[in-house]
Amino acid sequence: MIHKNQPIIDQEQNAFITTAYNADHEAFNWQQGVTTTVAGQLTGIDLRLYAGTASLYINLGRPWQSGASIAIITYSSTLLNPDWDHIDLTSANIFLGRNQRFVIGIKGTNGGLGFYGSSQNPYAGGSLYLNGTQYLDGMHDMAFRTYMNQSAHVSQACSHKTSRHRPGWIDWWSKKKEIKE
């Protein structure tokens, strides 16, 4: 039984996880397009990462987004095998409407981080971009899951006004990661 105020998995690309992508170098900026199916608060994402550090961010709209991010953190993964890393976005207060598009971004920081995905285009709601261009043949997708809390719903019309991260969110994440490690 799903409780109304608990996050649900809204979008997922977990098929054919066969390809590793390099997000190490600072010149690498990846974006995965995502389309919601429910309205509510984006409370988290899961990514299949391997050990390293990079900047993770969320932007509204289809790829390619080069404007200000609505959430950004420096994230360190200690995983040596491809497994899910969960990034809690609850405190970022990101509210999205039904069928709203956004991007999950990974920007290299020379920290060694990489991610996994597929070269068989299993996700119909968006695709993978590198440095402003659809990656290779447009058949690539990042491995990801998105979590939405439907009880925290706001209308799509005002979501862009209410989805700014709270001051201190980036610092809070840095401290949280240091404590966990």
Foldseek 3Di string as FASTA:
>chain_A
DDDQQFWDWFDFADPAFPDKFWQADQLKKKKWKAWGAAWAWFFKKKFFKAFWKWKKFKFWDAPPDDDDTLDIAIDGDHHHDGDIDMDTCNQSQQTAHGRTMMIIMTGHDNTGMMGIWHQQQPDPRTFMDIPRHQPDPRRIGGGMIIIGNRVRGDHNVCRVVRRHHDPCPRVVVVVVNVVVD
